[in-house]
């Protein structure tokens, strides 16, 4: 991806999105709850979160993070505080902040100080060079020659 005349790596989504059904089956396999019950909870979760956020509250889910609404406005703004009204709001966005946990121990002098780690990003990711090819017979899979593994 080129920004301001310089090139930077960019993550790319591969395949189709994981569905609620797939998540429900995986959560059920890792817990004592049935896939049907997990799916029911996941289906209700969005509406419940939306109701709380519409009340001006944030929603914190342990192990995931916090969600909250922000107002979307045009970028022009107004000259004075008095001119600021709800009429300037043209949409709503959902913001997400991953949960932060702390890892490590010791002291900074020994290089073992505590460090904060954002949840959901504290996973092992194998970054690969994307060549832009997808197996058309199976869009969820990539062909062997389309990805270059980087150690």
N, C-alpha and C. Protein backbone atom coordinates (compact mmCIF):
# COMPACT_ATOMS: atom_id res chain seq x y z
N UNK A 1 0.85 -1.16 0.00
CA UNK A 1 0.00 0.00 0.00
C UNK A 1 0.91 1.23 0.00
N UNK A 2 0.63 2.17 -0.89
CA UNK A 2 1.45 3.36 -1.00
C UNK A 2 0.75 4.53 -0.30
N UNK A 3 1.48 5.17 0.62
CA UNK A 3 0.97 6.33 1.34
C UNK A 3 2.06 7.39 1.35
N UNK A 4 1.71 8.59 0.88
CA UNK A 4 2.67 9.70 0.86
C UNK A 4 3.99 9.33 0.19
N UNK A 5 3.90 8.59 -0.90
CA UNK A 5 5.09 8.25 -1.67
C UNK A 5 5.91 7.10 -1.11
N UNK A 6 5.48 6.47 -0.02
CA UNK A 6 6.22 5.35 0.58
C UNK A 6 5.32 4.12 0.59
N UNK A 7 5.96 2.96 0.51
CA UNK A 7 5.22 1.69 0.49
C UNK A 7 5.26 1.04 1.87
N UNK A 8 4.12 0.47 2.27
CA UNK A 8 3.98 -0.18 3.57
C UNK A 8 3.26 -1.51 3.40
N UNK A 9 3.55 -2.49 4.29
CA UNK A 9 2.80 -3.74 4.24
C UNK A 9 1.35 -3.48 4.66
N UNK A 10 0.46 -4.32 4.18
CA UNK A 10 -0.95 -4.20 4.51
C UNK A 10 -1.52 -5.60 4.69
N UNK A 11 -2.34 -5.77 5.71
CA UNK A 11 -2.98 -7.08 5.89
C UNK A 11 -4.11 -7.22 4.87
N UNK A 12 -4.36 -8.46 4.47
CA UNK A 12 -5.39 -8.75 3.46
C UNK A 12 -6.29 -9.85 4.02
N UNK A 13 -7.59 -9.66 3.91
CA UNK A 13 -8.52 -10.72 4.30
C UNK A 13 -8.53 -11.79 3.23
N UNK A 14 -8.55 -13.03 3.65
CA UNK A 14 -8.53 -14.16 2.72
C UNK A 14 -9.80 -14.98 2.93
N UNK A 15 -10.42 -15.36 1.85
CA UNK A 15 -11.62 -16.19 1.94
C UNK A 15 -12.82 -15.41 2.41
N UNK A 16 -13.89 -16.13 2.67
CA UNK A 16 -15.12 -15.49 3.12
C UNK A 16 -15.10 -15.31 4.64
N UNK A 17 -15.98 -14.45 5.13
CA UNK A 17 -16.06 -14.19 6.57
C UNK A 17 -16.50 -15.46 7.31
N UNK A 18 -16.01 -15.63 8.52
CA UNK A 18 -16.45 -16.72 9.37
C UNK A 18 -17.86 -16.38 9.83
N UNK A 19 -18.76 -17.34 9.76
CA UNK A 19 -20.17 -17.09 10.06
C UNK A 19 -20.48 -17.28 11.55
N UNK A 20 -21.63 -16.80 11.95
CA UNK A 20 -22.11 -17.00 13.32
C UNK A 20 -22.19 -18.50 13.62
N UNK A 21 -22.65 -19.27 12.65
CA UNK A 21 -22.77 -20.72 12.83
C UNK A 21 -21.40 -21.35 13.11
N UNK A 22 -20.38 -20.93 12.37
CA UNK A 22 -19.04 -21.47 12.58
C UNK A 22 -18.51 -21.09 13.97
N UNK A 23 -18.73 -19.85 14.36
CA UNK A 23 -18.29 -19.41 15.69
C UNK A 23 -19.04 -20.20 16.76
N UNK A 24 -20.34 -20.37 16.59
CA UNK A 24 -21.15 -21.11 17.57
C UNK A 24 -20.64 -22.54 17.74
N UNK A 25 -20.34 -23.20 16.64
CA UNK A 25 -19.83 -24.58 16.71
C UNK A 25 -18.49 -24.64 17.43
N UNK A 26 -17.62 -23.68 17.16
CA UNK A 26 -16.30 -23.66 17.78
C UNK A 26 -16.40 -23.38 19.28
N UNK A 27 -17.21 -22.39 19.65
CA UNK A 27 -17.40 -22.08 21.07
C UNK A 27 -18.02 -23.28 21.78
N UNK A 28 -18.98 -23.93 21.17
CA UNK A 28 -19.61 -25.10 21.77
C UNK A 28 -18.59 -26.21 21.99
N UNK A 29 -17.70 -26.40 21.03
CA UNK A 29 -16.68 -27.44 21.15
C UNK A 29 -15.70 -27.15 22.28
N UNK A 30 -15.55 -25.87 22.64
CA UNK A 30 -14.61 -25.49 23.69
C UNK A 30 -15.30 -25.20 25.01
N UNK A 31 -16.58 -25.54 25.12
CA UNK A 31 -17.33 -25.28 26.35
C UNK A 31 -18.35 -26.39 26.57
N UNK A 32 -19.22 -26.18 27.54
CA UNK A 32 -20.27 -27.17 27.83
C UNK A 32 -21.61 -26.72 27.27
N UNK A 33 -21.62 -25.70 26.44
CA UNK A 33 -22.86 -25.14 25.88
C UNK A 33 -23.08 -25.71 24.48
N UNK A 34 -24.32 -25.97 24.14
CA UNK A 34 -24.63 -26.54 22.82
C UNK A 34 -24.50 -25.46 21.74
N UNK A 35 -24.22 -25.88 20.49
CA UNK A 35 -24.13 -24.92 19.39
C UNK A 35 -25.40 -24.08 19.24
N UNK A 36 -26.57 -24.69 19.44
CA UNK A 36 -27.84 -23.96 19.31
C UNK A 36 -27.92 -22.85 20.36
N UNK A 37 -27.53 -23.15 21.59
CA UNK A 37 -27.58 -22.14 22.65
C UNK A 37 -26.55 -21.04 22.42
N UNK A 38 -25.36 -21.40 21.97
CA UNK A 38 -24.34 -20.39 21.67
C UNK A 38 -24.85 -19.47 20.57
N UNK A 39 -25.43 -20.05 19.53
CA UNK A 39 -25.96 -19.25 18.42
C UNK A 39 -27.05 -18.30 18.90
N UNK A 40 -27.93 -18.77 19.78
CA UNK A 40 -28.99 -17.92 20.31
C UNK A 40 -28.41 -16.72 21.07
N UNK A 41 -27.39 -16.97 21.86
CA UNK A 41 -26.75 -15.89 22.61
C UNK A 41 -26.06 -14.91 21.65
N UNK A 42 -25.32 -15.43 20.68
CA UNK A 42 -24.64 -14.55 19.73
C UNK A 42 -25.63 -13.71 18.92
N UNK A 43 -26.75 -14.30 18.57
CA UNK A 43 -27.77 -13.59 17.80
C UNK A 43 -28.38 -12.46 18.62
N UNK A 44 -28.61 -12.70 19.91
CA UNK A 44 -29.19 -11.68 20.78
C UNK A 44 -28.18 -10.61 21.18
N UNK A 45 -26.91 -10.94 21.17
CA UNK A 45 -25.86 -10.05 21.67
C UNK A 45 -25.84 -8.69 20.97
N UNK A 46 -25.94 -8.66 19.66
CA UNK A 46 -25.88 -7.40 18.93
C UNK A 46 -26.97 -6.43 19.35
N UNK A 47 -28.19 -6.92 19.47
CA UNK A 47 -29.30 -6.07 19.88
C UNK A 47 -29.15 -5.56 21.30
N UNK A 48 -28.71 -6.43 22.20
CA UNK A 48 -28.50 -6.04 23.60
C UNK A 48 -27.41 -4.98 23.68
N UNK A 49 -26.30 -5.20 22.98
CA UNK A 49 -25.21 -4.22 22.99
C UNK A 49 -25.69 -2.88 22.42
N UNK A 50 -26.43 -2.93 21.31
CA UNK A 50 -26.94 -1.71 20.70
C UNK A 50 -27.84 -0.93 21.64
N UNK A 51 -28.69 -1.63 22.39
CA UNK A 51 -29.57 -0.96 23.35
C UNK A 51 -28.76 -0.23 24.42
N UNK A 52 -27.75 -0.90 24.98
CA UNK A 52 -26.93 -0.26 26.00
C UNK A 52 -26.14 0.92 25.43
N UNK A 53 -25.57 0.75 24.26
CA UNK A 53 -24.78 1.83 23.66
C UNK A 53 -25.67 3.02 23.30
N UNK A 54 -26.92 2.77 22.91
CA UNK A 54 -27.86 3.85 22.60
C UNK A 54 -28.19 4.67 23.84
N UNK A 55 -27.98 4.09 25.02
CA UNK A 55 -28.18 4.80 26.28
C UNK A 55 -26.94 5.60 26.68
N UNK A 56 -25.92 5.60 25.81
CA UNK A 56 -24.69 6.33 26.10
C UNK A 56 -23.69 5.53 26.90
N UNK A 57 -23.90 4.24 27.02
CA UNK A 57 -23.00 3.38 27.79
C UNK A 57 -22.03 2.67 26.86
N UNK A 58 -20.87 2.30 27.39
CA UNK A 58 -19.99 1.41 26.65
C UNK A 58 -20.30 -0.01 27.11
N UNK A 59 -19.96 -0.99 26.29
CA UNK A 59 -20.18 -2.39 26.63
C UNK A 59 -18.82 -3.07 26.63
N UNK A 60 -18.43 -3.61 27.80
CA UNK A 60 -17.15 -4.30 27.93
C UNK A 60 -17.41 -5.79 28.05
N UNK A 61 -16.84 -6.54 27.12
CA UNK A 61 -16.93 -8.00 27.14
C UNK A 61 -15.57 -8.56 27.54
N UNK A 62 -15.53 -9.26 28.67
CA UNK A 62 -14.26 -9.81 29.16
C UNK A 62 -13.60 -10.67 28.09
N UNK A 63 -12.31 -10.47 27.93
CA UNK A 63 -11.54 -11.24 26.96
C UNK A 63 -11.66 -10.73 25.54
N UNK A 64 -12.53 -9.76 25.31
CA UNK A 64 -12.72 -9.21 23.97
C UNK A 64 -12.37 -7.73 23.95
N UNK A 65 -13.13 -6.92 24.67
CA UNK A 65 -12.85 -5.49 24.71
C UNK A 65 -14.11 -4.69 24.90
N UNK A 66 -14.02 -3.39 24.62
CA UNK A 66 -15.14 -2.47 24.82
C UNK A 66 -15.65 -1.92 23.50
N UNK A 67 -16.96 -1.75 23.44
CA UNK A 67 -17.63 -1.20 22.27
C UNK A 67 -18.41 0.04 22.71
N UNK A 68 -18.46 1.06 21.85
CA UNK A 68 -19.27 2.23 22.15
C UNK A 68 -19.59 2.96 20.86
N UNK A 69 -20.67 3.77 20.91
CA UNK A 69 -21.07 4.56 19.75
C UNK A 69 -20.33 5.89 19.75
N UNK A 70 -20.02 6.39 18.56
CA UNK A 70 -19.55 7.76 18.39
C UNK A 70 -20.41 8.41 17.32
N UNK A 71 -20.49 9.73 17.39
CA UNK A 71 -21.27 10.48 16.42
C UNK A 71 -20.41 10.77 15.20
N UNK A 72 -20.97 10.56 14.03
CA UNK A 72 -20.29 10.90 12.78
C UNK A 72 -20.85 12.24 12.32
N UNK A 73 -19.97 13.17 12.00
CA UNK A 73 -20.39 14.49 11.55
C UNK A 73 -19.66 14.84 10.27
N UNK A 74 -20.12 15.90 9.61
CA UNK A 74 -19.36 16.35 8.45
C UNK A 74 -18.05 16.96 8.95
N UNK A 75 -17.07 17.02 8.12
CA UNK A 75 -15.74 17.44 8.55
C UNK A 75 -15.57 18.95 8.59
N UNK A 76 -16.60 19.72 8.22
CA UNK A 76 -16.46 21.16 8.19
C UNK A 76 -16.50 21.80 9.57
N UNK A 77 -17.30 21.28 10.47
CA UNK A 77 -17.41 21.87 11.79
C UNK A 77 -18.11 23.22 11.73
N UNK A 78 -18.20 23.88 12.88
CA UNK A 78 -18.83 25.20 12.97
C UNK A 78 -17.90 26.13 13.73
N UNK A 79 -18.13 27.41 13.60
CA UNK A 79 -17.21 28.41 14.15
C UNK A 79 -17.29 28.54 15.67
N UNK A 80 -18.48 28.35 16.24
CA UNK A 80 -18.62 28.57 17.67
C UNK A 80 -19.29 27.38 18.35
N UNK A 81 -19.06 27.28 19.65
CA UNK A 81 -19.67 26.21 20.44
C UNK A 81 -21.19 26.31 20.41
N UNK A 82 -21.68 27.51 20.36
CA UNK A 82 -23.13 27.74 20.37
C UNK A 82 -23.82 27.15 19.14
N UNK A 83 -23.08 27.05 18.03
CA UNK A 83 -23.64 26.52 16.78
C UNK A 83 -23.70 24.98 16.75
N UNK A 84 -23.07 24.34 17.72
CA UNK A 84 -23.05 22.88 17.76
C UNK A 84 -24.42 22.37 18.19
N UNK A 85 -25.04 21.57 17.32
CA UNK A 85 -26.34 20.96 17.62
C UNK A 85 -26.35 19.52 17.13
N UNK A 86 -27.36 18.79 17.56
CA UNK A 86 -27.51 17.40 17.12
C UNK A 86 -27.73 17.32 15.62
N UNK A 87 -28.20 18.41 15.01
CA UNK A 87 -28.44 18.41 13.56
C UNK A 87 -27.14 18.22 12.77
N UNK A 88 -26.00 18.47 13.38
CA UNK A 88 -24.71 18.28 12.70
C UNK A 88 -24.32 16.80 12.61
N UNK A 89 -24.98 15.96 13.38
CA UNK A 89 -24.68 14.52 13.37
C UNK A 89 -25.36 13.88 12.17
N UNK A 90 -24.56 13.20 11.34
CA UNK A 90 -25.13 12.57 10.14
C UNK A 90 -25.01 11.05 10.16
N UNK A 91 -24.58 10.49 11.27
CA UNK A 91 -24.48 9.05 11.37
C UNK A 91 -23.89 8.61 12.70
N UNK A 92 -23.85 7.32 12.88
CA UNK A 92 -23.31 6.74 14.11
C UNK A 92 -22.29 5.69 13.71
N UNK A 93 -21.21 5.62 14.46
CA UNK A 93 -20.19 4.59 14.24
C UNK A 93 -20.03 3.78 15.52
N UNK A 94 -19.65 2.54 15.36
CA UNK A 94 -19.33 1.70 16.51
C UNK A 94 -17.81 1.67 16.62
N UNK A 95 -17.31 2.01 17.77
CA UNK A 95 -15.87 1.95 18.03
C UNK A 95 -15.59 0.73 18.90
N UNK A 96 -14.41 0.16 18.71
CA UNK A 96 -14.01 -1.03 19.46
C UNK A 96 -12.60 -0.83 19.97
N UNK A 97 -12.39 -1.11 21.24
CA UNK A 97 -11.05 -1.08 21.84
C UNK A 97 -10.79 -2.46 22.41
N UNK A 98 -9.81 -3.19 21.87
CA UNK A 98 -9.52 -4.53 22.40
C UNK A 98 -9.13 -4.45 23.87
N UNK A 99 -9.48 -5.49 24.61
CA UNK A 99 -9.12 -5.56 26.02
C UNK A 99 -7.60 -5.54 26.16
N UNK A 100 -7.13 -4.86 27.19
CA UNK A 100 -5.70 -4.80 27.46
C UNK A 100 -5.39 -5.70 28.65
N UNK A 101 -4.37 -6.52 28.51
CA UNK A 101 -3.91 -7.31 29.65
C UNK A 101 -2.42 -7.04 29.81
N UNK A 102 -1.89 -7.42 30.94
CA UNK A 102 -0.49 -7.15 31.22
C UNK A 102 0.27 -8.46 31.29
N UNK A 103 1.44 -8.49 30.68
CA UNK A 103 2.27 -9.69 30.63
C UNK A 103 3.65 -9.39 31.20
N UNK A 104 4.31 -10.44 31.60
CA UNK A 104 5.70 -10.32 32.02
C UNK A 104 5.82 -9.98 33.49
N UNK A 105 7.04 -9.86 33.91
CA UNK A 105 7.33 -9.53 35.29
C UNK A 105 8.75 -9.02 35.37
N UNK A 106 9.26 -8.90 36.55
CA UNK A 106 10.62 -8.40 36.70
C UNK A 106 10.66 -6.89 36.64
N UNK A 107 11.83 -6.38 36.33
CA UNK A 107 12.00 -4.92 36.28
C UNK A 107 12.40 -4.49 34.88
N UNK A 108 12.23 -3.22 34.61
CA UNK A 108 12.64 -2.71 33.29
C UNK A 108 14.15 -2.82 33.10
N UNK A 109 14.88 -2.67 34.19
CA UNK A 109 16.34 -2.72 34.11
C UNK A 109 16.82 -4.08 33.61
N UNK A 110 16.08 -5.14 33.95
CA UNK A 110 16.47 -6.48 33.52
C UNK A 110 15.77 -6.88 32.22
N UNK A 111 15.01 -5.95 31.66
CA UNK A 111 14.31 -6.24 30.41
C UNK A 111 13.07 -7.08 30.60
N UNK A 112 12.63 -7.24 31.83
CA UNK A 112 11.48 -8.09 32.10
C UNK A 112 10.29 -7.34 32.65
N UNK A 113 10.20 -6.05 32.37
CA UNK A 113 9.09 -5.25 32.89
C UNK A 113 7.75 -5.68 32.34
N UNK A 114 6.71 -5.29 33.05
CA UNK A 114 5.36 -5.60 32.58
C UNK A 114 5.09 -4.81 31.31
N UNK A 115 4.36 -5.43 30.41
CA UNK A 115 3.97 -4.72 29.19
C UNK A 115 2.50 -4.98 28.94
N UNK A 116 1.85 -4.01 28.38
CA UNK A 116 0.43 -4.21 28.08
C UNK A 116 0.30 -4.84 26.71
N UNK A 117 -0.67 -5.72 26.59
CA UNK A 117 -0.93 -6.43 25.34
C UNK A 117 -2.42 -6.33 25.06
N UNK A 118 -2.78 -5.94 23.84
CA UNK A 118 -4.19 -5.85 23.47
C UNK A 118 -4.74 -7.24 23.20
N UNK A 119 -5.90 -7.53 23.77
CA UNK A 119 -6.56 -8.79 23.51
C UNK A 119 -6.91 -8.93 22.04
N UNK A 120 -7.15 -10.10 21.59
CA UNK A 120 -7.45 -10.45 20.21
C UNK A 120 -6.27 -10.25 19.28
N UNK A 121 -5.27 -9.48 19.70
CA UNK A 121 -4.09 -9.33 18.84
C UNK A 121 -2.91 -10.08 19.45
N UNK A 122 -3.11 -10.67 20.62
CA UNK A 122 -2.05 -11.41 21.28
C UNK A 122 -2.12 -12.88 20.87
N UNK A 123 -2.14 -13.10 19.56
CA UNK A 123 -2.17 -14.45 19.01
C UNK A 123 -0.99 -14.60 18.06
N UNK A 124 -0.61 -15.83 17.84
CA UNK A 124 0.48 -16.06 16.90
C UNK A 124 -0.06 -15.92 15.48
N UNK A 125 0.50 -14.99 14.74
CA UNK A 125 0.09 -14.77 13.36
C UNK A 125 1.28 -15.08 12.46
N UNK A 126 1.05 -15.89 11.46
CA UNK A 126 2.10 -16.16 10.48
C UNK A 126 1.85 -15.25 9.29
N UNK A 127 2.70 -14.22 9.15
CA UNK A 127 2.55 -13.27 8.05
C UNK A 127 3.12 -13.88 6.79
N UNK A 128 2.39 -13.74 5.71
CA UNK A 128 2.78 -14.30 4.43
C UNK A 128 2.72 -13.23 3.37
N UNK A 129 3.54 -13.39 2.34
CA UNK A 129 3.50 -12.45 1.22
C UNK A 129 2.35 -12.84 0.31
N UNK A 130 1.43 -11.93 0.09
CA UNK A 130 0.24 -12.19 -0.72
C UNK A 130 0.55 -11.89 -2.17
N UNK A 131 0.27 -12.85 -3.03
CA UNK A 131 0.53 -12.68 -4.46
C UNK A 131 -0.73 -12.34 -5.24
N UNK A 132 -1.85 -12.25 -4.53
CA UNK A 132 -3.09 -11.82 -5.18
C UNK A 132 -3.85 -12.89 -5.92
N UNK A 133 -3.54 -14.16 -5.71
CA UNK A 133 -4.23 -15.24 -6.40
C UNK A 133 -5.10 -16.01 -5.42
N UNK A 134 -6.30 -16.34 -5.84
CA UNK A 134 -7.21 -17.15 -5.04
C UNK A 134 -7.65 -18.33 -5.89
N UNK A 135 -7.74 -19.50 -5.27
CA UNK A 135 -8.23 -20.70 -5.95
C UNK A 135 -9.71 -20.48 -6.26
N UNK A 136 -10.07 -20.34 -7.54
CA UNK A 136 -11.45 -20.03 -7.92
C UNK A 136 -12.41 -21.18 -7.66
N UNK A 137 -11.91 -22.42 -7.59
CA UNK A 137 -12.77 -23.55 -7.28
C UNK A 137 -13.14 -23.57 -5.80
N UNK A 138 -12.27 -23.01 -4.97
CA UNK A 138 -12.50 -22.95 -3.52
C UNK A 138 -12.01 -21.59 -3.04
N UNK A 139 -12.88 -20.56 -3.03
CA UNK A 139 -12.45 -19.22 -2.67
C UNK A 139 -11.95 -19.09 -1.24
N UNK A 140 -12.23 -20.08 -0.38
CA UNK A 140 -11.74 -20.03 0.98
C UNK A 140 -10.30 -20.53 1.09
N UNK A 141 -9.78 -21.09 0.03
CA UNK A 141 -8.41 -21.61 0.04
C UNK A 141 -7.58 -20.85 -0.97
N UNK A 142 -6.28 -20.84 -0.74
CA UNK A 142 -5.38 -20.21 -1.70
C UNK A 142 -4.53 -21.29 -2.33
N UNK A 143 -4.09 -21.05 -3.54
CA UNK A 143 -3.23 -22.03 -4.19
C UNK A 143 -1.83 -21.95 -3.60
N UNK A 144 -1.10 -23.06 -3.66
CA UNK A 144 0.21 -23.14 -3.05
C UNK A 144 1.18 -22.09 -3.56
N UNK A 145 1.06 -21.72 -4.84
CA UNK A 145 2.02 -20.76 -5.39
C UNK A 145 1.60 -19.31 -5.18
N UNK A 146 0.48 -19.08 -4.48
CA UNK A 146 0.02 -17.71 -4.31
C UNK A 146 0.53 -17.06 -3.03
N UNK A 147 1.09 -17.86 -2.12
CA UNK A 147 1.53 -17.31 -0.85
C UNK A 147 2.97 -17.72 -0.61
N UNK A 148 3.75 -16.77 -0.15
CA UNK A 148 5.14 -16.99 0.20
C UNK A 148 5.27 -16.84 1.70
N UNK A 149 5.55 -17.90 2.43
CA UNK A 149 5.67 -17.80 3.88
C UNK A 149 6.94 -17.07 4.25
N UNK A 150 6.79 -16.10 5.16
CA UNK A 150 7.94 -15.34 5.66
C UNK A 150 8.22 -15.78 7.09
N UNK A 151 9.40 -16.30 7.38
CA UNK A 151 9.69 -16.77 8.75
C UNK A 151 9.77 -15.62 9.73
